[in-house]
Amino acid sequence: MSNATNQLYKKLDQAHQRLKTTTSSEEKLAIANYIGNLYSSLICMGEDVSFDKKTSFGSLKNYKKFIKKLNNYSDRLIYNYLVNQEFHKDFISEIIPDVEEELQEVFDLPYTMEESILRKREFNEILFEFMKSIHQDQLLQDLYRRDKIHPCFIGQEEDNLGFALYNPMDGDCDIFIRDFDYNFRTMQTLVHELGHAIDFRLFHGTVKDYNEYFYCSFYGEVISRLMERLLLRFLIHNKIYIDESKEKYIEFEDLNHDYLLQAYIMSLLDQQTIVKGEYMECNEDEIINQIQKHFIDGVDLTDVVERMNESDLSQIYNYTYGDILSLFLCDEIENNGYSSDLFEYFLSHRTKPFHEKFLRECGFGPVDYVKKYKKELNVLKN
């Protein structure tokens, strides 16, 4: 058994003890979520463990209280979404045509689809230079020094390449990368998870604020997607494996488009389909029948609707607004670092439920998004 695995078991025992002694319902929810992630982390490290309700909660009654609290947060997320559904639809429908037009141009560029294997030293030098360029090299050094970055055998989900494990009670954070190798896929995944580590380090709210952020916010992927954007820009600007870096950027934008399309489809569904989560269960034809009139005749929506079955409302919109806000914040971080006023304002609002007023106050509108998007993709065309 590795030292990392030993440490995970110790953390699990400590979390179980903390869950038994705390009287706060918000702390119970946060710790229970952390315990679930600890079990998942151990499984990803190759351990044969299973979640035991009685061990974790002491009784079935306590477990039901946890589920009730969890459902309350889920209901609040859905209610907030339905209140703002029309805004989401209008915003995304305004940017999708331009996004698709720009993407089509870069899709026509030649691909090599080669995955370069770097030397360990080269990999670390590029990574540290990038982190230094955004004044976050100390974070990376600290995580390496404390052995907080772990290769693992599998991801939390089938397509998951990495994840961050965070203890909201003491701020401890570990990063896990599936099939860690010295290539740009691993580097991009690691940088994404470092975004979560930065996010957690900059989190100064209460446990209740953390629960609000984790369960009700659409901004949980902003900093991680921002870090990926910053990395890809850094690689291209410094002409580091330039062709492969551009291809990674195109893949990044393709994934962003996929989430945009899923979010737009979600915004077209009736309230019952969303409230009951039927978009994850019902036949794809039923969903397509609801939305087909909003698309050009002959467009095949089957693939994207099928992919929606693998996500939920929270994931789809966290990645959608992760893309949108990270594009706006990217120039800000490159020019002013993480101490900029706009970024600080984002940090102060990221735990709150979605409200269009926040986007308007920051100037995060569809027209400006399209301008920045076109400017970004021009880099790939040259």
Protein backbone atom coordinates (compact mmCIF):
# COMPACT_ATOMS: atom_id res chain seq x y z
CA MET A 1 0.00 0.00 0.00
CA SER A 2 1.44 3.39 -1.01
CA ASN A 3 1.95 6.30 1.35
CA ALA A 4 -0.73 8.26 -0.53
CA THR A 5 -3.24 5.45 -0.01
CA ASN A 6 -2.34 5.23 3.69
CA GLN A 7 -2.96 8.94 4.05
CA LEU A 8 -6.37 8.61 2.37
CA TYR A 9 -7.41 5.92 4.87
CA LYS A 10 -6.27 8.14 7.76
CA LYS A 11 -8.28 11.04 6.35
CA LEU A 12 -11.30 8.74 6.03
CA ASP A 13 -11.07 7.70 9.69
CA GLN A 14 -10.72 11.34 10.77
CA ALA A 15 -13.67 12.39 8.64
CA HIS A 16 -15.84 9.62 10.11
CA GLN A 17 -14.97 10.82 13.62
CA ARG A 18 -15.68 14.44 12.68
CA LEU A 19 -19.06 13.48 11.23
CA LYS A 20 -20.03 11.73 14.47
CA THR A 21 -19.13 14.68 16.70
CA THR A 22 -20.33 17.70 14.76
CA THR A 23 -23.80 19.07 15.49
CA SER A 24 -24.03 21.46 12.55
CA SER A 25 -26.23 20.22 9.70
CA GLU A 26 -24.13 22.21 7.19
CA GLU A 27 -20.92 20.63 8.48
CA LYS A 28 -22.52 17.19 8.34
CA LEU A 29 -23.40 17.75 4.68
CA ALA A 30 -19.90 19.00 3.79
CA ILE A 31 -18.16 16.17 5.65
CA ALA A 32 -20.47 13.52 4.21
CA ASN A 33 -19.70 14.78 0.70
CA TYR A 34 -15.99 14.70 1.52
CA ILE A 35 -16.29 11.12 2.82
CA GLY A 36 -17.96 10.07 -0.42
CA ASN A 37 -15.12 11.64 -2.38
CA LEU A 38 -12.56 9.88 -0.17
CA TYR A 39 -14.12 6.51 -0.97
CA SER A 40 -14.10 7.44 -4.65
CA SER A 41 -10.43 8.47 -4.42
CA LEU A 42 -9.46 5.15 -2.84
CA ILE A 43 -11.26 3.25 -5.60
CA CYS A 44 -9.45 5.33 -8.21
CA MET A 45 -6.16 4.41 -6.51
CA GLY A 46 -7.01 0.73 -6.98
CA GLU A 47 -8.38 -0.02 -3.50
CA ASP A 48 -11.28 -2.45 -3.05
CA VAL A 49 -13.57 -0.42 -0.78
CA SER A 50 -17.30 0.24 -0.66
CA PHE A 51 -19.35 2.96 0.99
CA ASP A 52 -21.06 1.87 4.20
CA LYS A 53 -24.00 4.05 5.32
CA LYS A 54 -23.94 2.81 8.90
CA THR A 55 -20.18 3.31 9.32
CA SER A 56 -20.34 6.81 7.89
CA PHE A 57 -23.60 8.06 9.38
CA GLY A 58 -24.16 5.86 12.42
CA SER A 59 -27.70 4.98 11.39
CA LEU A 60 -30.08 4.88 8.45
CA LYS A 61 -32.00 7.77 10.05
CA ASN A 62 -28.94 10.00 9.94
CA TYR A 63 -28.32 8.99 6.33
CA LYS A 64 -31.87 10.00 5.40
CA LYS A 65 -31.29 13.40 7.03
CA PHE A 66 -28.24 13.83 4.81
CA ILE A 67 -30.22 12.94 1.70
CA LYS A 68 -32.98 15.37 2.70
CA LYS A 69 -30.45 18.19 3.08
CA LEU A 70 -28.90 17.26 -0.25
CA ASN A 71 -32.31 17.31 -1.93
CA ASN A 72 -33.02 20.75 -0.49
CA TYR A 73 -29.92 22.13 -2.21
CA SER A 74 -30.82 20.31 -5.44
CA ASP A 75 -34.31 21.80 -5.38
CA ARG A 76 -32.88 25.29 -4.90
CA LEU A 77 -30.54 24.82 -7.87
CA ILE A 78 -33.40 23.74 -10.11
CA TYR A 79 -35.67 26.57 -8.91
CA ASN A 80 -32.97 29.16 -9.59
CA TYR A 81 -32.38 27.64 -13.02
CA LEU A 82 -36.06 27.80 -13.95
CA VAL A 83 -36.27 31.44 -12.83
CA ASN A 84 -33.36 32.27 -15.16
CA GLN A 85 -34.08 29.76 -17.93
CA GLU A 86 -35.17 32.39 -20.43
CA PHE A 87 -32.00 34.41 -19.83
CA HIS A 88 -29.80 31.33 -20.36
CA LYS A 89 -31.65 30.56 -23.60
CA ASP A 90 -31.32 34.09 -24.96
CA PHE A 91 -27.65 34.44 -24.00
CA ILE A 92 -26.54 31.12 -25.48
CA SER A 93 -28.69 31.39 -28.60
CA GLU A 94 -27.03 34.73 -29.34
CA ILE A 95 -23.47 33.37 -29.25
CA ILE A 96 -23.84 29.85 -30.68
CA PRO A 97 -24.13 30.82 -34.40
CA ASP A 98 -20.88 32.83 -34.28
CA VAL A 99 -19.12 30.14 -32.25
CA GLU A 100 -20.07 27.47 -34.76
CA GLU A 101 -19.05 29.62 -37.73
CA GLU A 102 -15.63 30.34 -36.21
CA LEU A 103 -15.13 26.73 -35.13
CA GLN A 104 -15.86 25.43 -38.61
CA GLU A 105 -12.95 27.44 -39.96
CA VAL A 106 -10.46 25.97 -37.51
CA PHE A 107 -11.88 22.46 -37.96
CA ASP A 108 -10.77 22.73 -41.60
CA LEU A 109 -7.15 23.18 -40.51
CA PRO A 110 -4.85 20.12 -40.93
CA TYR A 111 -4.49 17.89 -37.86
CA THR A 112 -1.53 15.72 -36.96
CA MET A 113 -3.21 14.17 -33.87
CA GLU A 114 0.19 13.19 -32.50
CA GLU A 115 0.68 12.98 -28.73
CA SER A 116 4.22 14.09 -27.91
CA ILE A 117 5.90 12.32 -25.02
CA LEU A 118 8.12 14.75 -23.13
CA ARG A 119 11.04 14.04 -20.87
CA LYS A 120 10.15 14.41 -17.21
CA ARG A 121 12.47 17.38 -16.86
CA GLU A 122 11.04 19.08 -19.95
CA PHE A 123 7.47 18.49 -18.74
CA ASN A 124 8.24 20.03 -15.33
CA GLU A 125 10.14 22.97 -16.81
CA ILE A 126 7.23 23.91 -19.09
CA LEU A 127 4.71 23.46 -16.29
CA PHE A 128 6.69 25.53 -13.78
CA GLU A 129 7.38 28.29 -16.31
CA PHE A 130 3.67 28.49 -17.05
CA MET A 131 2.74 28.63 -13.36
CA LYS A 132 5.44 31.24 -12.81
CA SER A 133 3.99 33.37 -15.63
CA ILE A 134 0.73 33.68 -13.67
CA HIS A 135 2.45 33.90 -10.27
CA GLN A 136 1.19 30.52 -9.08
CA ASP A 137 4.48 28.61 -9.08
CA GLN A 138 4.57 28.58 -5.26
CA LEU A 139 1.31 26.63 -5.20
CA LEU A 140 2.71 23.97 -7.53
CA GLN A 141 5.93 23.72 -5.54
CA ASP A 142 3.93 23.34 -2.33
CA LEU A 143 1.74 20.56 -3.73
CA TYR A 144 4.77 18.64 -5.03
CA ARG A 145 6.69 19.14 -1.79
CA ARG A 146 3.79 17.81 0.28
CA ASP A 147 3.18 14.90 -2.15
CA LYS A 148 -0.32 16.10 -3.02
CA ILE A 149 -0.36 15.16 -6.72
CA HIS A 150 -1.15 11.47 -7.28
CA PRO A 151 -1.28 9.25 -10.38
CA CYS A 152 -4.33 6.97 -10.28
CA PHE A 153 -5.65 4.01 -12.27
CA ILE A 154 -9.15 5.24 -13.11
CA GLY A 155 -11.17 8.45 -12.95
CA GLN A 156 -14.25 9.19 -10.88
CA GLU A 157 -16.29 8.65 -14.06
CA GLU A 158 -15.58 6.82 -17.31
CA ASP A 159 -14.28 9.86 -19.21
CA ASN A 160 -12.83 11.61 -16.17
CA LEU A 161 -9.09 12.31 -16.50
CA GLY A 162 -8.52 13.91 -13.10
CA PHE A 163 -10.14 15.34 -10.00
CA ALA A 164 -9.38 17.34 -6.89
CA LEU A 165 -10.16 16.12 -3.38
CA TYR A 166 -10.89 18.98 -0.96
CA ASN A 167 -11.63 18.94 2.74
CA PRO A 168 -13.78 22.03 3.47
CA MET A 169 -13.13 21.67 7.20
CA ASP A 170 -9.36 22.25 7.07
CA GLY A 171 -8.66 23.36 3.48
CA ASP A 172 -6.57 20.28 2.64
CA CYS A 173 -6.43 19.50 -1.10
CA ASP A 174 -5.10 16.54 -3.13
CA ILE A 175 -5.01 16.17 -6.91
CA PHE A 176 -5.44 12.89 -8.80
CA ILE A 177 -4.47 12.36 -12.46
CA ARG A 178 -5.52 9.22 -14.32
CA ASP A 179 -2.80 7.50 -16.36
CA PHE A 180 -0.26 10.20 -15.51
CA ASP A 181 2.23 10.50 -18.36
CA TYR A 182 4.61 13.24 -19.45
CA ASN A 183 2.50 14.59 -22.29
CA PHE A 184 0.26 17.59 -22.91
CA ARG A 185 -2.93 15.70 -22.08
CA THR A 186 -1.62 15.12 -18.58
CA MET A 187 -0.35 18.69 -18.33
CA GLN A 188 -3.70 20.13 -19.37
CA THR A 189 -5.55 17.86 -16.93
CA LEU A 190 -3.15 18.75 -14.13
CA VAL A 191 -3.52 22.47 -14.84
CA HIS A 192 -7.31 22.10 -14.79
CA GLU A 193 -7.14 20.48 -11.34
CA LEU A 194 -4.65 23.09 -10.17
CA GLY A 195 -7.41 25.56 -11.02
CA HIS A 196 -9.58 23.86 -8.41
CA ALA A 197 -6.68 24.01 -5.92
CA ILE A 198 -6.36 27.77 -6.57
CA ASP A 199 -10.11 28.14 -6.20
CA PHE A 200 -10.08 26.34 -2.84
CA ARG A 201 -7.12 28.36 -1.56
CA LEU A 202 -8.94 31.56 -2.42
CA PHE A 203 -12.10 30.37 -0.68
CA HIS A 204 -12.57 32.17 2.64
CA GLY A 205 -16.25 31.60 3.40
CA THR A 206 -18.05 29.45 5.94
CA VAL A 207 -18.94 25.79 5.53
CA LYS A 208 -22.43 26.92 4.53
CA ASP A 209 -20.88 29.16 1.86
CA TYR A 210 -18.93 26.15 0.60
CA ASN A 211 -22.11 24.05 0.38
CA GLU A 212 -23.82 26.88 -1.48
CA TYR A 213 -20.90 27.01 -3.89
CA PHE A 214 -20.68 23.25 -4.37
CA TYR A 215 -24.39 22.58 -4.84
CA CYS A 216 -26.01 25.79 -6.09
CA SER A 217 -23.43 27.77 -8.10
CA PHE A 218 -22.79 27.65 -11.86
CA TYR A 219 -19.24 28.99 -11.39
CA GLY A 220 -17.38 25.97 -10.00
CA GLU A 221 -15.45 25.32 -13.24
CA VAL A 222 -14.55 28.92 -14.11
CA ILE A 223 -11.04 28.96 -12.62
CA SER A 224 -10.23 25.47 -13.91
CA ARG A 225 -11.29 26.31 -17.46
CA LEU A 226 -9.45 29.62 -17.08
CA MET A 227 -6.26 27.76 -16.19
CA GLU A 228 -6.58 25.58 -19.29
CA ARG A 229 -7.04 28.67 -21.46
CA LEU A 230 -4.03 30.35 -19.88
CA LEU A 231 -1.88 27.26 -20.42
CA LEU A 232 -2.84 26.88 -24.07
CA ARG A 233 -2.23 30.57 -24.73
CA PHE A 234 1.12 30.31 -22.96
CA LEU A 235 2.20 27.35 -25.10
CA ILE A 236 1.20 29.02 -28.36
CA HIS A 237 2.64 32.42 -27.43
CA ASN A 238 5.97 30.80 -26.54
CA LYS A 239 5.88 28.50 -29.62
CA ILE A 240 6.09 25.36 -27.48
CA TYR A 241 5.10 22.35 -29.62
CA ILE A 242 3.05 24.87 -31.56
CA ASP A 243 1.06 22.51 -33.82
CA GLU A 244 0.09 20.20 -31.00
CA SER A 245 -0.74 23.15 -28.74
CA LYS A 246 -3.11 24.53 -31.38
CA GLU A 247 -4.75 21.13 -31.74
CA LYS A 248 -5.27 20.95 -27.97
CA TYR A 249 -6.83 24.39 -28.12
CA ILE A 250 -9.22 23.30 -30.87
CA GLU A 251 -10.20 20.25 -28.80
CA PHE A 252 -10.75 22.56 -25.84
CA GLU A 253 -13.02 24.84 -27.88
CA ASP A 254 -14.85 21.85 -29.34
CA LEU A 255 -15.69 20.61 -25.84
CA ASN A 256 -16.82 24.10 -24.85
CA HIS A 257 -19.12 24.17 -27.87
CA ASP A 258 -20.55 20.80 -26.94
CA TYR A 259 -21.49 22.06 -23.48
CA LEU A 260 -22.90 25.27 -24.98
CA LEU A 261 -25.11 23.17 -27.24
CA GLN A 262 -26.22 20.94 -24.35
CA ALA A 263 -27.00 24.03 -22.25
CA TYR A 264 -29.01 25.53 -25.09
CA ILE A 265 -30.99 22.32 -25.54
CA MET A 266 -31.61 22.26 -21.78
CA SER A 267 -32.95 25.81 -21.93
CA LEU A 268 -35.54 24.71 -24.52
CA LEU A 269 -37.02 21.92 -22.40
CA ASP A 270 -40.25 22.30 -20.48
CA GLN A 271 -40.14 22.67 -16.71
CA GLN A 272 -41.47 19.19 -15.94
CA THR A 273 -38.69 17.54 -17.95
CA ILE A 274 -36.09 19.51 -15.96
CA VAL A 275 -37.67 19.21 -12.50
CA LYS A 276 -38.06 15.45 -12.81
CA GLY A 277 -34.65 14.98 -14.44
CA GLU A 278 -36.34 13.28 -17.38
CA TYR A 279 -33.71 14.62 -19.80
CA MET A 280 -31.35 12.03 -18.25
CA GLU A 281 -33.78 9.14 -18.51
CA CYS A 282 -36.32 9.49 -21.30
CA ASN A 283 -35.92 8.40 -24.91
CA GLU A 284 -33.76 10.72 -27.04
CA ASP A 285 -36.61 11.03 -29.55
CA GLU A 286 -38.84 12.62 -26.90
CA ILE A 287 -36.24 15.31 -26.21
CA ILE A 288 -35.62 15.90 -29.91
CA ASN A 289 -39.36 16.31 -30.51
CA GLN A 290 -39.41 19.09 -27.91
CA ILE A 291 -36.50 21.03 -29.37
CA GLN A 292 -36.41 20.24 -33.11
CA LYS A 293 -38.37 23.36 -34.11
CA HIS A 294 -35.55 25.56 -32.78
CA PHE A 295 -33.00 24.06 -35.19
CA ILE A 296 -32.58 24.03 -38.96
CA ASP A 297 -34.37 21.16 -40.70
CA GLY A 298 -32.17 18.13 -41.15
CA VAL A 299 -29.82 18.82 -38.23
CA ASP A 300 -29.01 15.55 -36.44
CA LEU A 301 -29.24 16.15 -32.68
CA THR A 302 -29.07 12.51 -31.61
CA ASP A 303 -25.42 12.46 -30.50
CA VAL A 304 -25.57 15.58 -28.36
CA VAL A 305 -28.86 14.51 -26.74
CA GLU A 306 -27.34 11.13 -25.94
CA ARG A 307 -24.38 12.85 -24.26
CA MET A 308 -26.81 14.81 -22.10
CA ASN A 309 -27.77 11.51 -20.48
CA GLU A 310 -24.24 11.33 -19.08
CA SER A 311 -24.40 14.75 -17.37
CA ASP A 312 -26.81 16.68 -15.21
CA LEU A 313 -27.98 20.28 -15.15
CA SER A 314 -25.25 21.33 -12.70
CA GLN A 315 -22.38 19.86 -14.72
CA ILE A 316 -23.65 21.17 -18.04
CA TYR A 317 -24.06 24.74 -16.79
CA ASN A 318 -20.91 24.76 -14.66
CA TYR A 319 -18.88 23.92 -17.78
CA THR A 320 -20.89 26.31 -19.95
CA TYR A 321 -20.33 29.29 -17.68
CA GLY A 322 -16.84 28.00 -16.98
CA ASP A 323 -16.17 28.61 -20.68
CA ILE A 324 -17.99 31.94 -20.87
CA LEU A 325 -16.51 33.59 -17.78
CA SER A 326 -13.01 32.15 -18.29
CA LEU A 327 -12.84 33.82 -21.70
CA PHE A 328 -13.66 37.18 -20.12
CA LEU A 329 -11.24 36.67 -17.22
CA CYS A 330 -8.33 35.34 -19.29
CA ASP A 331 -7.08 38.72 -20.56
CA GLU A 332 -7.57 40.13 -17.07
CA ILE A 333 -5.34 37.50 -15.45
CA GLU A 334 -2.67 37.77 -18.16
CA ASN A 335 -2.53 41.55 -17.71
CA ASN A 336 -3.11 41.98 -13.98
CA GLY A 337 -2.72 38.58 -12.33
CA TYR A 338 -5.05 37.01 -9.80
CA SER A 339 -5.18 40.20 -7.73
CA SER A 340 -7.19 42.20 -10.28
CA ASP A 341 -10.35 43.99 -9.17
CA LEU A 342 -12.52 42.12 -11.67
CA PHE A 343 -11.23 38.74 -10.55
CA GLU A 344 -11.72 39.70 -6.89
CA TYR A 345 -15.29 40.71 -7.72
CA PHE A 346 -15.85 37.34 -9.36
CA LEU A 347 -14.48 35.57 -6.27
CA SER A 348 -16.87 37.48 -4.03
CA HIS A 349 -19.87 36.39 -6.14
CA ARG A 350 -18.96 32.86 -7.18
CA THR A 351 -20.67 31.17 -4.23
CA LYS A 352 -24.01 32.85 -4.92
CA PRO A 353 -26.86 31.45 -7.02
CA PHE A 354 -26.91 32.60 -10.63
CA HIS A 355 -28.26 36.08 -11.34
CA GLU A 356 -28.04 37.88 -14.66
CA LYS A 357 -27.29 41.14 -12.82
CA PHE A 358 -23.81 39.87 -11.97
CA LEU A 359 -22.95 39.22 -15.65
CA ARG A 360 -24.29 42.63 -16.63
CA GLU A 361 -22.31 44.41 -13.89
CA CYS A 362 -19.11 42.76 -15.13
CA GLY A 363 -19.83 43.45 -18.80
CA PHE A 364 -20.03 39.73 -19.58
CA GLY A 365 -22.50 40.03 -22.45
CA PRO A 366 -23.03 37.98 -25.64
CA VAL A 367 -21.67 40.64 -28.03
CA ASP A 368 -18.44 41.05 -26.08
CA TYR A 369 -18.10 37.28 -25.73
CA VAL A 370 -18.27 36.83 -29.51
CA LYS A 371 -15.65 39.57 -30.03
CA LYS A 372 -13.26 37.87 -27.63
CA TYR A 373 -14.01 34.46 -29.10
CA LYS A 374 -13.19 35.59 -32.64
CA LYS A 375 -9.97 37.19 -31.43
CA GLU A 376 -9.02 33.98 -29.64
CA LEU A 377 -9.63 31.72 -32.63
CA ASN A 378 -7.65 34.05 -34.91
CA VAL A 379 -4.57 32.87 -33.01
CA LEU A 380 -5.30 29.33 -34.18
CA LYS A 381 -5.71 30.36 -37.81
CA ASN A 382 -2.31 32.06 -38.09
